[in-house]
Structures are given as C-alpha cells and as structure tokens.
N, C-alpha and C. Protein backbone atom coordinates (compact mmCIF):
# COMPACT_ATOMS: atom_id res chain seq x y z
N MET A 1 -22.35 -6.03 -25.75
CA MET A 1 -21.20 -6.74 -25.18
C MET A 1 -20.94 -6.22 -23.76
N PRO A 2 -20.86 -7.09 -22.75
CA PRO A 2 -20.63 -6.63 -21.38
C PRO A 2 -19.22 -6.10 -21.20
N CYS A 3 -19.06 -5.26 -20.19
CA CYS A 3 -17.74 -4.72 -19.86
C CYS A 3 -16.88 -5.86 -19.29
N SER A 4 -15.75 -6.16 -19.92
CA SER A 4 -15.00 -7.35 -19.57
C SER A 4 -13.50 -7.11 -19.71
N PHE A 5 -12.74 -8.17 -19.52
CA PHE A 5 -11.29 -8.14 -19.74
C PHE A 5 -10.93 -8.79 -21.08
N GLU A 6 -11.88 -8.86 -22.01
CA GLU A 6 -11.63 -9.55 -23.26
C GLU A 6 -10.41 -8.98 -24.00
N HIS A 7 -10.35 -7.67 -24.11
CA HIS A 7 -9.24 -7.05 -24.85
C HIS A 7 -7.93 -7.20 -24.09
N GLU A 8 -8.00 -7.06 -22.76
CA GLU A 8 -6.80 -7.24 -21.95
C GLU A 8 -6.27 -8.67 -22.05
N ARG A 9 -7.18 -9.63 -21.98
CA ARG A 9 -6.76 -11.04 -22.04
C ARG A 9 -6.14 -11.38 -23.40
N ALA A 10 -6.69 -10.80 -24.47
CA ALA A 10 -6.13 -11.05 -25.80
C ALA A 10 -4.69 -10.55 -25.87
N LEU A 11 -4.42 -9.40 -25.28
CA LEU A 11 -3.06 -8.86 -25.28
C LEU A 11 -2.15 -9.70 -24.39
N GLN A 12 -2.69 -10.16 -23.26
CA GLN A 12 -1.89 -11.01 -22.38
C GLN A 12 -1.53 -12.32 -23.08
N GLY A 13 -2.43 -12.79 -23.94
CA GLY A 13 -2.15 -13.99 -24.70
C GLY A 13 -0.99 -13.81 -25.68
N GLN A 14 -0.68 -12.54 -25.98
CA GLN A 14 0.45 -12.22 -26.85
C GLN A 14 1.71 -11.93 -26.04
N GLY A 15 1.62 -12.14 -24.70
CA GLY A 15 2.77 -11.88 -23.84
C GLY A 15 2.87 -10.47 -23.31
N ILE A 16 1.80 -9.68 -23.47
CA ILE A 16 1.78 -8.30 -22.94
C ILE A 16 0.96 -8.30 -21.66
N PHE A 17 1.63 -8.30 -20.51
CA PHE A 17 0.92 -8.54 -19.25
C PHE A 17 0.48 -7.26 -18.55
N PHE A 18 1.09 -6.13 -18.87
CA PHE A 18 0.67 -4.88 -18.25
C PHE A 18 -0.06 -4.05 -19.30
N VAL A 19 -1.39 -4.07 -19.18
CA VAL A 19 -2.25 -3.37 -20.13
C VAL A 19 -2.97 -2.26 -19.38
N ALA A 20 -2.85 -1.04 -19.87
CA ALA A 20 -3.50 0.10 -19.22
C ALA A 20 -4.77 0.49 -19.97
N GLY A 21 -5.75 0.94 -19.22
CA GLY A 21 -6.94 1.57 -19.80
C GLY A 21 -6.88 3.05 -19.53
N VAL A 22 -7.28 3.87 -20.51
CA VAL A 22 -7.22 5.33 -20.38
C VAL A 22 -8.55 5.94 -20.80
N ASP A 23 -9.02 6.89 -20.01
CA ASP A 23 -10.23 7.62 -20.36
C ASP A 23 -10.16 9.01 -19.74
N GLU A 24 -11.07 9.87 -20.18
CA GLU A 24 -11.09 11.25 -19.70
C GLU A 24 -12.48 11.63 -19.19
N ALA A 25 -12.52 12.73 -18.47
CA ALA A 25 -13.78 13.32 -18.03
C ALA A 25 -13.67 14.83 -18.15
N GLY A 26 -14.71 15.46 -18.68
CA GLY A 26 -14.75 16.92 -18.67
C GLY A 26 -14.39 17.61 -19.96
N ARG A 27 -14.61 16.97 -21.09
CA ARG A 27 -14.34 17.68 -22.35
C ARG A 27 -15.37 18.77 -22.63
N GLY A 28 -16.63 18.52 -22.25
CA GLY A 28 -17.70 19.41 -22.66
C GLY A 28 -18.02 20.60 -21.78
N PRO A 29 -17.69 20.59 -20.48
CA PRO A 29 -18.10 21.69 -19.60
C PRO A 29 -17.53 23.05 -19.98
N LEU A 30 -18.16 24.08 -19.46
CA LEU A 30 -17.71 25.46 -19.67
C LEU A 30 -16.70 25.89 -18.62
N ALA A 31 -16.55 25.11 -17.57
CA ALA A 31 -15.65 25.48 -16.48
C ALA A 31 -14.97 24.24 -15.91
N GLY A 32 -13.84 24.46 -15.28
CA GLY A 32 -13.10 23.37 -14.65
C GLY A 32 -12.15 22.68 -15.60
N PRO A 33 -11.35 21.77 -15.07
CA PRO A 33 -10.34 21.09 -15.88
C PRO A 33 -10.90 19.93 -16.67
N VAL A 34 -10.10 19.43 -17.59
CA VAL A 34 -10.33 18.12 -18.18
C VAL A 34 -9.36 17.18 -17.47
N VAL A 35 -9.84 16.00 -17.10
CA VAL A 35 -9.06 15.05 -16.31
C VAL A 35 -8.98 13.73 -17.05
N ALA A 36 -7.80 13.17 -17.13
CA ALA A 36 -7.64 11.83 -17.69
C ALA A 36 -7.06 10.92 -16.63
N ALA A 37 -7.42 9.65 -16.70
CA ALA A 37 -6.89 8.65 -15.78
C ALA A 37 -6.39 7.45 -16.58
N ALA A 38 -5.38 6.79 -16.02
CA ALA A 38 -4.86 5.55 -16.59
C ALA A 38 -4.85 4.50 -15.49
N VAL A 39 -5.25 3.28 -15.82
CA VAL A 39 -5.38 2.21 -14.83
C VAL A 39 -4.82 0.91 -15.39
N ILE A 40 -4.05 0.21 -14.55
CA ILE A 40 -3.59 -1.14 -14.88
C ILE A 40 -4.07 -2.08 -13.79
N PHE A 41 -4.82 -3.11 -14.18
CA PHE A 41 -5.21 -4.16 -13.25
C PHE A 41 -4.11 -5.23 -13.22
N PRO A 42 -3.98 -5.96 -12.11
CA PRO A 42 -3.09 -7.12 -12.12
C PRO A 42 -3.53 -8.11 -13.20
N PRO A 43 -2.59 -8.81 -13.84
CA PRO A 43 -2.94 -9.68 -14.96
C PRO A 43 -4.01 -10.72 -14.66
N SER A 44 -4.09 -11.18 -13.42
CA SER A 44 -5.04 -12.25 -13.10
C SER A 44 -6.33 -11.73 -12.46
N SER A 45 -6.62 -10.45 -12.62
CA SER A 45 -7.78 -9.87 -11.95
C SER A 45 -9.10 -10.49 -12.40
N ASP A 46 -10.02 -10.60 -11.45
CA ASP A 46 -11.40 -10.96 -11.76
C ASP A 46 -12.18 -9.69 -12.08
N LEU A 47 -13.34 -9.85 -12.69
CA LEU A 47 -14.19 -8.70 -12.95
C LEU A 47 -14.57 -8.02 -11.64
N LEU A 48 -14.56 -6.69 -11.65
CA LEU A 48 -14.98 -5.93 -10.47
C LEU A 48 -16.49 -5.71 -10.58
N PRO A 49 -17.27 -6.29 -9.66
CA PRO A 49 -18.74 -6.18 -9.76
C PRO A 49 -19.20 -4.73 -9.85
N GLY A 50 -20.05 -4.47 -10.83
CA GLY A 50 -20.63 -3.14 -10.98
C GLY A 50 -19.80 -2.18 -11.80
N LEU A 51 -18.56 -2.55 -12.14
CA LEU A 51 -17.72 -1.62 -12.89
C LEU A 51 -18.19 -1.52 -14.33
N ASP A 52 -18.41 -0.29 -14.78
CA ASP A 52 -18.92 -0.04 -16.13
C ASP A 52 -18.61 1.40 -16.48
N ASP A 53 -18.99 1.80 -17.65
CA ASP A 53 -18.89 3.19 -18.08
C ASP A 53 -19.44 4.09 -16.97
N SER A 54 -18.64 5.08 -16.55
CA SER A 54 -19.04 5.91 -15.41
C SER A 54 -20.35 6.64 -15.66
N LYS A 55 -20.67 6.91 -16.93
CA LYS A 55 -21.92 7.62 -17.24
C LYS A 55 -23.15 6.77 -16.95
N LYS A 56 -22.98 5.47 -16.86
CA LYS A 56 -24.10 4.58 -16.57
C LYS A 56 -24.32 4.39 -15.07
N LEU A 57 -23.42 4.94 -14.26
CA LEU A 57 -23.46 4.70 -12.82
C LEU A 57 -23.98 5.91 -12.08
N THR A 58 -24.52 5.68 -10.88
CA THR A 58 -24.90 6.79 -10.02
C THR A 58 -23.66 7.36 -9.34
N ALA A 59 -23.79 8.55 -8.78
CA ALA A 59 -22.66 9.15 -8.07
C ALA A 59 -22.21 8.26 -6.92
N ARG A 60 -23.15 7.65 -6.22
CA ARG A 60 -22.79 6.77 -5.12
C ARG A 60 -22.02 5.56 -5.61
N GLN A 61 -22.47 4.97 -6.71
CA GLN A 61 -21.77 3.80 -7.27
C GLN A 61 -20.36 4.18 -7.71
N ARG A 62 -20.24 5.34 -8.35
CA ARG A 62 -18.91 5.80 -8.79
C ARG A 62 -17.98 6.00 -7.61
N ASN A 63 -18.48 6.61 -6.55
CA ASN A 63 -17.63 6.87 -5.39
C ASN A 63 -17.19 5.58 -4.72
N LEU A 64 -18.09 4.61 -4.62
CA LEU A 64 -17.72 3.32 -4.02
C LEU A 64 -16.66 2.61 -4.87
N LEU A 65 -16.84 2.62 -6.19
CA LEU A 65 -15.87 1.99 -7.07
C LEU A 65 -14.53 2.73 -7.03
N TYR A 66 -14.59 4.04 -6.95
CA TYR A 66 -13.36 4.84 -6.86
C TYR A 66 -12.55 4.42 -5.63
N GLU A 67 -13.22 4.32 -4.49
CA GLU A 67 -12.51 3.93 -3.26
C GLU A 67 -11.93 2.53 -3.40
N CYS A 68 -12.70 1.63 -3.99
CA CYS A 68 -12.23 0.26 -4.18
C CYS A 68 -11.00 0.23 -5.08
N LEU A 69 -11.06 0.96 -6.19
CA LEU A 69 -9.96 0.96 -7.16
C LEU A 69 -8.70 1.61 -6.59
N THR A 70 -8.87 2.77 -5.99
CA THR A 70 -7.69 3.53 -5.56
C THR A 70 -7.07 2.98 -4.28
N GLN A 71 -7.81 2.17 -3.53
CA GLN A 71 -7.27 1.60 -2.30
C GLN A 71 -6.79 0.16 -2.47
N SER A 72 -6.99 -0.39 -3.66
CA SER A 72 -6.53 -1.76 -3.90
C SER A 72 -5.04 -1.75 -4.21
N PRO A 73 -4.23 -2.47 -3.42
CA PRO A 73 -2.78 -2.41 -3.62
C PRO A 73 -2.32 -2.98 -4.96
N GLY A 74 -3.12 -3.81 -5.60
CA GLY A 74 -2.71 -4.39 -6.87
C GLY A 74 -3.05 -3.55 -8.08
N VAL A 75 -3.88 -2.52 -7.91
CA VAL A 75 -4.30 -1.69 -9.03
C VAL A 75 -3.39 -0.48 -9.13
N LEU A 76 -2.80 -0.27 -10.30
CA LEU A 76 -1.96 0.90 -10.54
C LEU A 76 -2.80 1.96 -11.25
N TRP A 77 -2.68 3.20 -10.81
CA TRP A 77 -3.47 4.26 -11.44
C TRP A 77 -2.77 5.60 -11.34
N ALA A 78 -3.10 6.48 -12.23
CA ALA A 78 -2.56 7.83 -12.23
C ALA A 78 -3.54 8.75 -12.94
N VAL A 79 -3.49 10.03 -12.62
CA VAL A 79 -4.35 11.01 -13.28
C VAL A 79 -3.52 12.19 -13.78
N SER A 80 -4.08 12.88 -14.74
CA SER A 80 -3.52 14.15 -15.21
C SER A 80 -4.66 15.15 -15.29
N ILE A 81 -4.41 16.35 -14.76
CA ILE A 81 -5.42 17.40 -14.71
C ILE A 81 -4.92 18.58 -15.54
N GLN A 82 -5.70 18.94 -16.55
CA GLN A 82 -5.36 20.07 -17.42
C GLN A 82 -6.33 21.21 -17.12
N GLU A 83 -5.79 22.28 -16.58
CA GLU A 83 -6.62 23.40 -16.13
C GLU A 83 -7.12 24.24 -17.30
N PRO A 84 -8.12 25.11 -17.04
CA PRO A 84 -8.71 25.91 -18.12
C PRO A 84 -7.71 26.74 -18.91
N GLU A 85 -6.66 27.27 -18.26
CA GLU A 85 -5.71 28.08 -19.01
C GLU A 85 -4.98 27.27 -20.09
N ILE A 86 -4.76 25.97 -19.79
CA ILE A 86 -4.16 25.09 -20.80
C ILE A 86 -5.16 24.82 -21.91
N ILE A 87 -6.41 24.54 -21.53
CA ILE A 87 -7.46 24.29 -22.51
C ILE A 87 -7.61 25.49 -23.45
N ASP A 88 -7.61 26.70 -22.89
CA ASP A 88 -7.76 27.90 -23.70
C ASP A 88 -6.55 28.13 -24.60
N ARG A 89 -5.39 27.70 -24.16
CA ARG A 89 -4.17 27.96 -24.93
C ARG A 89 -4.00 26.98 -26.09
N ILE A 90 -4.31 25.68 -25.85
CA ILE A 90 -4.02 24.68 -26.89
C ILE A 90 -5.27 24.01 -27.46
N ASN A 91 -6.43 24.32 -26.95
CA ASN A 91 -7.77 23.83 -27.29
C ASN A 91 -8.09 22.53 -26.54
N ILE A 92 -9.37 22.25 -26.44
CA ILE A 92 -9.83 21.16 -25.57
C ILE A 92 -9.39 19.79 -26.08
N LEU A 93 -9.36 19.59 -27.39
CA LEU A 93 -8.94 18.29 -27.91
C LEU A 93 -7.47 18.03 -27.59
N GLN A 94 -6.63 19.03 -27.83
CA GLN A 94 -5.21 18.87 -27.55
C GLN A 94 -4.96 18.71 -26.05
N ALA A 95 -5.72 19.42 -25.23
CA ALA A 95 -5.57 19.29 -23.77
C ALA A 95 -5.98 17.90 -23.31
N THR A 96 -7.04 17.35 -23.92
CA THR A 96 -7.48 16.00 -23.59
C THR A 96 -6.41 14.98 -23.95
N HIS A 97 -5.86 15.09 -25.15
CA HIS A 97 -4.79 14.17 -25.57
C HIS A 97 -3.56 14.30 -24.67
N ARG A 98 -3.24 15.53 -24.31
CA ARG A 98 -2.11 15.75 -23.41
C ARG A 98 -2.35 15.08 -22.06
N ALA A 99 -3.56 15.21 -21.54
CA ALA A 99 -3.89 14.58 -20.26
C ALA A 99 -3.77 13.07 -20.35
N MET A 100 -4.23 12.49 -21.44
CA MET A 100 -4.15 11.03 -21.62
C MET A 100 -2.69 10.57 -21.68
N ARG A 101 -1.87 11.29 -22.39
CA ARG A 101 -0.45 10.92 -22.47
C ARG A 101 0.21 11.04 -21.10
N GLU A 102 -0.06 12.15 -20.41
CA GLU A 102 0.58 12.39 -19.11
C GLU A 102 0.14 11.37 -18.07
N ALA A 103 -1.15 11.05 -18.04
CA ALA A 103 -1.64 10.06 -17.06
C ALA A 103 -0.97 8.71 -17.29
N THR A 104 -0.83 8.31 -18.54
CA THR A 104 -0.20 7.03 -18.84
C THR A 104 1.26 7.01 -18.42
N LEU A 105 1.98 8.08 -18.71
CA LEU A 105 3.40 8.14 -18.38
C LEU A 105 3.63 8.26 -16.88
N ALA A 106 2.60 8.68 -16.13
CA ALA A 106 2.73 8.82 -14.68
C ALA A 106 2.54 7.49 -13.93
N LEU A 107 2.10 6.44 -14.63
CA LEU A 107 1.94 5.14 -13.98
C LEU A 107 3.29 4.63 -13.46
N SER A 108 3.27 3.98 -12.31
CA SER A 108 4.52 3.47 -11.73
C SER A 108 5.09 2.29 -12.50
N GLN A 109 4.27 1.64 -13.32
CA GLN A 109 4.70 0.57 -14.21
C GLN A 109 4.34 0.95 -15.64
N ALA A 110 5.32 0.99 -16.52
CA ALA A 110 5.03 1.32 -17.91
C ALA A 110 4.24 0.18 -18.55
N PRO A 111 3.08 0.46 -19.12
CA PRO A 111 2.30 -0.59 -19.76
C PRO A 111 2.93 -1.01 -21.08
N GLY A 112 2.72 -2.28 -21.44
CA GLY A 112 3.17 -2.76 -22.74
C GLY A 112 2.22 -2.37 -23.85
N HIS A 113 0.97 -2.09 -23.47
CA HIS A 113 -0.03 -1.67 -24.45
C HIS A 113 -1.10 -0.88 -23.71
N VAL A 114 -1.74 0.05 -24.41
CA VAL A 114 -2.73 0.93 -23.79
C VAL A 114 -4.03 0.85 -24.59
N LEU A 115 -5.13 0.68 -23.88
CA LEU A 115 -6.47 0.72 -24.47
C LEU A 115 -7.07 2.08 -24.17
N ILE A 116 -7.41 2.82 -25.21
CA ILE A 116 -7.89 4.20 -25.06
C ILE A 116 -9.34 4.29 -25.48
N ASP A 117 -10.14 4.95 -24.67
CA ASP A 117 -11.54 5.14 -25.03
C ASP A 117 -11.65 6.14 -26.18
N GLY A 118 -12.43 5.78 -27.19
CA GLY A 118 -12.70 6.72 -28.26
C GLY A 118 -11.81 6.52 -29.47
N LEU A 119 -11.28 7.63 -29.97
CA LEU A 119 -10.50 7.62 -31.21
C LEU A 119 -9.00 7.62 -30.90
N PRO A 120 -8.17 7.28 -31.88
CA PRO A 120 -6.71 7.26 -31.66
C PRO A 120 -6.20 8.62 -31.19
N VAL A 121 -5.14 8.59 -30.39
CA VAL A 121 -4.52 9.81 -29.87
C VAL A 121 -3.20 10.03 -30.62
N PRO A 122 -3.06 11.12 -31.35
CA PRO A 122 -1.82 11.36 -32.08
C PRO A 122 -0.62 11.47 -31.14
N ASN A 123 0.52 11.01 -31.61
CA ASN A 123 1.79 11.11 -30.88
C ASN A 123 1.74 10.44 -29.51
N PHE A 124 0.92 9.40 -29.39
CA PHE A 124 0.87 8.70 -28.11
C PHE A 124 2.19 7.95 -27.93
N PRO A 125 2.76 7.99 -26.72
CA PRO A 125 4.13 7.50 -26.54
C PRO A 125 4.28 5.98 -26.45
N LEU A 126 3.17 5.24 -26.44
CA LEU A 126 3.23 3.78 -26.28
C LEU A 126 2.29 3.11 -27.27
N PRO A 127 2.51 1.83 -27.56
CA PRO A 127 1.56 1.12 -28.42
C PRO A 127 0.16 1.18 -27.82
N HIS A 128 -0.83 1.44 -28.66
CA HIS A 128 -2.18 1.59 -28.12
C HIS A 128 -3.23 1.19 -29.14
N THR A 129 -4.40 0.91 -28.60
CA THR A 129 -5.58 0.59 -29.40
C THR A 129 -6.71 1.49 -28.95
N ALA A 130 -7.36 2.16 -29.89
CA ALA A 130 -8.51 3.00 -29.57
C ALA A 130 -9.78 2.16 -29.71
N LEU A 131 -10.61 2.22 -28.68
CA LEU A 131 -11.86 1.46 -28.67
C LEU A 131 -13.04 2.44 -28.55
N VAL A 132 -13.85 2.53 -29.59
CA VAL A 132 -15.05 3.37 -29.51
C VAL A 132 -15.98 2.77 -28.46
N LYS A 133 -16.47 3.61 -27.56
CA LYS A 133 -17.30 3.19 -26.42
C LYS A 133 -16.55 2.16 -25.57
N GLY A 134 -15.25 2.33 -25.50
CA GLY A 134 -14.42 1.39 -24.75
C GLY A 134 -14.71 1.37 -23.26
N ASP A 135 -15.27 2.47 -22.72
CA ASP A 135 -15.56 2.50 -21.29
C ASP A 135 -16.69 1.54 -20.92
N GLY A 136 -17.43 1.05 -21.91
CA GLY A 136 -18.45 0.03 -21.66
C GLY A 136 -18.03 -1.35 -22.13
N ARG A 137 -16.79 -1.46 -22.64
CA ARG A 137 -16.32 -2.73 -23.19
C ARG A 137 -15.12 -3.29 -22.43
N SER A 138 -14.29 -2.42 -21.90
CA SER A 138 -13.05 -2.83 -21.22
C SER A 138 -13.09 -2.43 -19.76
N GLN A 139 -12.81 -3.38 -18.87
CA GLN A 139 -12.78 -3.07 -17.45
C GLN A 139 -11.70 -2.04 -17.12
N SER A 140 -10.57 -2.11 -17.81
CA SER A 140 -9.49 -1.16 -17.55
C SER A 140 -9.90 0.26 -17.93
N ILE A 141 -10.55 0.40 -19.09
CA ILE A 141 -11.01 1.74 -19.49
C ILE A 141 -12.13 2.20 -18.58
N ALA A 142 -13.04 1.30 -18.20
CA ALA A 142 -14.12 1.66 -17.29
C ALA A 142 -13.56 2.17 -15.96
N ALA A 143 -12.52 1.51 -15.46
CA ALA A 143 -11.89 1.94 -14.21
C ALA A 143 -11.31 3.34 -14.37
N ALA A 144 -10.65 3.59 -15.51
CA ALA A 144 -10.11 4.93 -15.76
C ALA A 144 -11.23 5.95 -15.86
N SER A 145 -12.35 5.55 -16.46
CA SER A 145 -13.51 6.43 -16.57
C SER A 145 -14.02 6.85 -15.20
N VAL A 146 -14.12 5.89 -14.30
CA VAL A 146 -14.61 6.17 -12.94
C VAL A 146 -13.64 7.08 -12.19
N ILE A 147 -12.35 6.76 -12.25
CA ILE A 147 -11.37 7.57 -11.51
C ILE A 147 -11.32 8.99 -12.06
N ALA A 148 -11.34 9.15 -13.38
CA ALA A 148 -11.31 10.49 -13.96
C ALA A 148 -12.56 11.28 -13.57
N LYS A 149 -13.72 10.64 -13.65
CA LYS A 149 -14.98 11.32 -13.35
C LYS A 149 -15.05 11.74 -11.88
N VAL A 150 -14.73 10.84 -10.97
CA VAL A 150 -14.81 11.17 -9.55
C VAL A 150 -13.78 12.24 -9.18
N THR A 151 -12.57 12.12 -9.73
CA THR A 151 -11.55 13.13 -9.47
C THR A 151 -12.05 14.50 -9.89
N ARG A 152 -12.61 14.58 -11.09
CA ARG A 152 -13.08 15.88 -11.58
C ARG A 152 -14.28 16.39 -10.78
N ASP A 153 -15.23 15.52 -10.48
CA ASP A 153 -16.40 15.94 -9.71
C ASP A 153 -16.00 16.51 -8.36
N ARG A 154 -15.03 15.89 -7.72
CA ARG A 154 -14.59 16.39 -6.41
C ARG A 154 -13.91 17.74 -6.53
N LEU A 155 -13.17 17.96 -7.61
CA LEU A 155 -12.57 19.27 -7.83
C LEU A 155 -13.65 20.33 -8.03
N MET A 156 -14.70 19.98 -8.76
CA MET A 156 -15.78 20.94 -8.99
C MET A 156 -16.54 21.23 -7.71
N GLU A 157 -16.67 20.24 -6.83
CA GLU A 157 -17.33 20.46 -5.55
C GLU A 157 -16.50 21.38 -4.66
N GLU A 158 -15.18 21.25 -4.73
CA GLU A 158 -14.30 22.17 -3.99
C GLU A 158 -14.43 23.59 -4.55
N MET A 159 -14.55 23.70 -5.85
CA MET A 159 -14.70 24.98 -6.52
C MET A 159 -16.01 25.65 -6.11
N ASP A 160 -17.03 24.83 -5.89
CA ASP A 160 -18.34 25.36 -5.51
C ASP A 160 -18.30 26.08 -4.17
N VAL A 161 -17.42 25.62 -3.29
CA VAL A 161 -17.29 26.28 -1.97
C VAL A 161 -16.76 27.70 -2.14
N ILE A 162 -15.86 27.89 -3.11
CA ILE A 162 -15.26 29.21 -3.33
C ILE A 162 -16.16 30.10 -4.18
N TYR A 163 -16.86 29.48 -5.14
CA TYR A 163 -17.72 30.23 -6.06
C TYR A 163 -19.14 29.66 -6.03
N PRO A 164 -19.85 29.80 -4.92
CA PRO A 164 -21.18 29.18 -4.81
C PRO A 164 -22.21 29.76 -5.77
N GLN A 165 -21.96 30.95 -6.28
CA GLN A 165 -22.96 31.59 -7.15
C GLN A 165 -23.16 30.88 -8.48
N TYR A 166 -22.22 30.00 -8.87
CA TYR A 166 -22.34 29.33 -10.16
C TYR A 166 -23.03 27.96 -10.08
N GLY A 167 -23.09 27.37 -8.90
CA GLY A 167 -23.74 26.06 -8.76
C GLY A 167 -22.91 24.90 -9.28
N PHE A 168 -21.59 25.01 -9.19
CA PHE A 168 -20.71 23.96 -9.72
C PHE A 168 -20.99 22.58 -9.12
N ARG A 169 -21.40 22.54 -7.87
CA ARG A 169 -21.67 21.25 -7.23
C ARG A 169 -22.79 20.50 -7.96
N ARG A 170 -23.76 21.25 -8.47
CA ARG A 170 -24.90 20.61 -9.13
C ARG A 170 -24.59 20.20 -10.57
N HIS A 171 -24.04 21.12 -11.34
CA HIS A 171 -23.89 20.84 -12.79
C HIS A 171 -22.46 20.52 -13.21
N LYS A 172 -21.50 20.63 -12.27
CA LYS A 172 -20.09 20.27 -12.53
C LYS A 172 -19.48 21.05 -13.70
N GLY A 173 -20.01 22.24 -13.94
CA GLY A 173 -19.44 23.10 -14.97
C GLY A 173 -20.08 22.98 -16.34
N TYR A 174 -21.02 22.05 -16.51
CA TYR A 174 -21.68 21.90 -17.80
C TYR A 174 -22.62 23.09 -18.06
N GLY A 175 -22.97 23.29 -19.32
CA GLY A 175 -23.73 24.47 -19.72
C GLY A 175 -25.22 24.34 -19.51
N THR A 176 -25.63 24.10 -18.29
CA THR A 176 -27.06 24.04 -17.98
C THR A 176 -27.67 25.43 -18.03
N ALA A 177 -28.99 25.49 -18.04
CA ALA A 177 -29.66 26.79 -18.05
C ALA A 177 -29.28 27.61 -16.82
N ALA A 178 -29.19 26.95 -15.67
CA ALA A 178 -28.83 27.67 -14.44
C ALA A 178 -27.40 28.20 -14.52
N HIS A 179 -26.50 27.41 -15.09
CA HIS A 179 -25.11 27.86 -15.21
C HIS A 179 -25.00 29.05 -16.18
N LEU A 180 -25.70 28.96 -17.30
CA LEU A 180 -25.67 30.06 -18.27
C LEU A 180 -26.25 31.33 -17.67
N ALA A 181 -27.31 31.19 -16.89
CA ALA A 181 -27.90 32.36 -16.23
C ALA A 181 -26.92 32.97 -15.23
N ALA A 182 -26.21 32.13 -14.50
CA ALA A 182 -25.21 32.63 -13.53
C ALA A 182 -24.07 33.34 -14.25
N LEU A 183 -23.66 32.81 -15.40
CA LEU A 183 -22.63 33.47 -16.20
C LEU A 183 -23.06 34.87 -16.62
N GLN A 184 -24.31 34.98 -17.03
CA GLN A 184 -24.82 36.29 -17.45
C GLN A 184 -24.90 37.26 -16.27
N GLU A 185 -25.24 36.73 -15.10
CA GLU A 185 -25.41 37.59 -13.92
C GLU A 185 -24.08 37.99 -13.29
N HIS A 186 -23.14 37.04 -13.21
CA HIS A 186 -21.91 37.27 -12.47
C HIS A 186 -20.66 37.39 -13.33
N GLY A 187 -20.79 37.04 -14.61
CA GLY A 187 -19.60 36.99 -15.44
C GLY A 187 -18.78 35.74 -15.10
N PRO A 188 -17.74 35.44 -15.88
CA PRO A 188 -16.94 34.24 -15.63
C PRO A 188 -15.99 34.40 -14.47
N CYS A 189 -15.63 33.27 -13.86
CA CYS A 189 -14.63 33.26 -12.79
C CYS A 189 -13.32 32.71 -13.34
N LEU A 190 -12.35 32.58 -12.48
CA LEU A 190 -11.02 32.11 -12.85
C LEU A 190 -11.05 30.75 -13.53
N HIS A 191 -12.04 29.91 -13.18
CA HIS A 191 -12.07 28.53 -13.65
C HIS A 191 -12.91 28.31 -14.90
N HIS A 192 -13.44 29.37 -15.48
CA HIS A 192 -14.20 29.22 -16.72
C HIS A 192 -13.26 29.16 -17.93
N ARG A 193 -13.70 28.43 -18.94
CA ARG A 193 -12.92 28.26 -20.17
C ARG A 193 -13.30 29.38 -21.14
N ARG A 194 -12.44 30.35 -21.25
CA ARG A 194 -12.76 31.54 -22.04
C ARG A 194 -12.78 31.29 -23.54
N SER A 195 -12.24 30.17 -23.98
CA SER A 195 -12.28 29.84 -25.40
C SER A 195 -13.60 29.19 -25.81
N PHE A 196 -14.46 28.87 -24.85
CA PHE A 196 -15.76 28.28 -25.15
C PHE A 196 -16.77 29.42 -25.37
N ALA A 197 -17.58 29.29 -26.41
CA ALA A 197 -18.42 30.39 -26.88
C ALA A 197 -19.29 31.03 -25.80
N PRO A 198 -20.04 30.28 -24.99
CA PRO A 198 -20.89 30.95 -23.99
C PRO A 198 -20.08 31.76 -22.97
N VAL A 199 -18.88 31.30 -22.65
CA VAL A 199 -18.04 32.06 -21.72
C VAL A 199 -17.47 33.28 -22.41
N ALA A 200 -17.03 33.15 -23.65
CA ALA A 200 -16.51 34.28 -24.41
C ALA A 200 -17.56 35.38 -24.54
N GLN A 201 -18.81 34.97 -24.75
CA GLN A 201 -19.89 35.95 -24.85
C GLN A 201 -20.08 36.67 -23.52
N ALA A 202 -19.99 35.93 -22.42
CA ALA A 202 -20.12 36.55 -21.09
C ALA A 202 -18.96 37.49 -20.80
N VAL A 203 -17.76 37.13 -21.26
CA VAL A 203 -16.58 38.00 -21.09
C VAL A 203 -16.83 39.34 -21.78
N ARG A 204 -17.34 39.29 -23.01
CA ARG A 204 -17.59 40.53 -23.75
C ARG A 204 -18.64 41.38 -23.03
N ARG A 205 -19.62 40.71 -22.44
CA ARG A 205 -20.68 41.46 -21.74
C ARG A 205 -20.13 42.15 -20.52
N TRP A 206 -19.14 41.49 -19.89
CA TRP A 206 -18.58 42.06 -18.67
C TRP A 206 -17.33 42.91 -18.95
C-alpha cells in the first residue's frame, strides 16, 4: 500500500479535520537522545512527492523533505527530545512514549485524532490510532518520521564535533563495530546511555 492520506481522509470524513501523525527516531542507539515529532497537514493537502518512511530515503532526500515540511506555512509540527539521562532513568520505551506525548501536546493546534507509528501508547492524552508500519502508510506519520530523523541526525552531527573519537557523524550512535571499539578505547561520554548493556559494560571497564 503506498504512503497516502487514506487514514487522514477517513477521519476527515467523520468531521475530524486536524489529524496529527507521530513517529520517533533513535530508540536503538547507544548514545544520543530519542526524538519524537508530530505533524499536521492542512486538510486539503496533496501528496508530497517522495515522502515516505524515513528509513527508505537517502540522507539527501530526508534533508530536502525536512526543509520543505518545516518551511511550509500550512504544515504544523513539533518535536520532543528526551536526553540519555531521561532514558536511563525511566527506560527507553517510557522515554519514547513521553516524547510522543510531549511532541503532540506542543503542536500549536490540538489535533482531533492522532495517528501513531507502531503500537498503542499508554496514557496518550488524545484519541489515537496505532498503525503498524504507519510511516510507510500515512503521509502524516511519514512526515513525522522525517522530521524526527533529521532532527536527531543533526544533533548527533553536532555531538561529533565535541566528541570526534566516537564517530557519531557516521553511525549516529548506533552500536556499530567502530562505535563499540571506540567505547572500549575511550569509555562512555556524557551522551551515552548507561542503561544499555554495551555502555554499562564499558562503564565497568573504566
């Protein structure tokens, strides 16, 4: 099924005109924050060419779509960034859910319904529908996927300037062989998630 406004249009047919898509980036890495984004398109929006699940896109495509989405006056968007200390304190799943709730509540227009990528989010403050692989099915979720991913990637690139020994620009904090080797050589930095096993092992070594 192509990425479309099918789910949004169905809700609009029920009189719900402000539908938000929500997605996250960064659940799996060993370092850096988890980021969630929420996006509302104008009710009469056409499909945005090339918009799809951010994982299917190149970095260049994501950046171009990010600029298009965030500079369009009709598109409402917001992000929430949960830093490693929050992830370590409440765990990555709870931090992800918190980011999704916060990003949605930060929108300048409260949505009447929210489409969330993946599984249902407990205690979500608004009516919502969870869509498995929703970032490839809903344009609103795909837009949130792109904004969350680009926001997080740029944060990791900034981090790389301060901590070049870890190679954050290349792997964005994921547990690649090069990242694991750097952890063993240098130990963790401020931005590593100490509750994640490979980082915890490096902490004990250091």
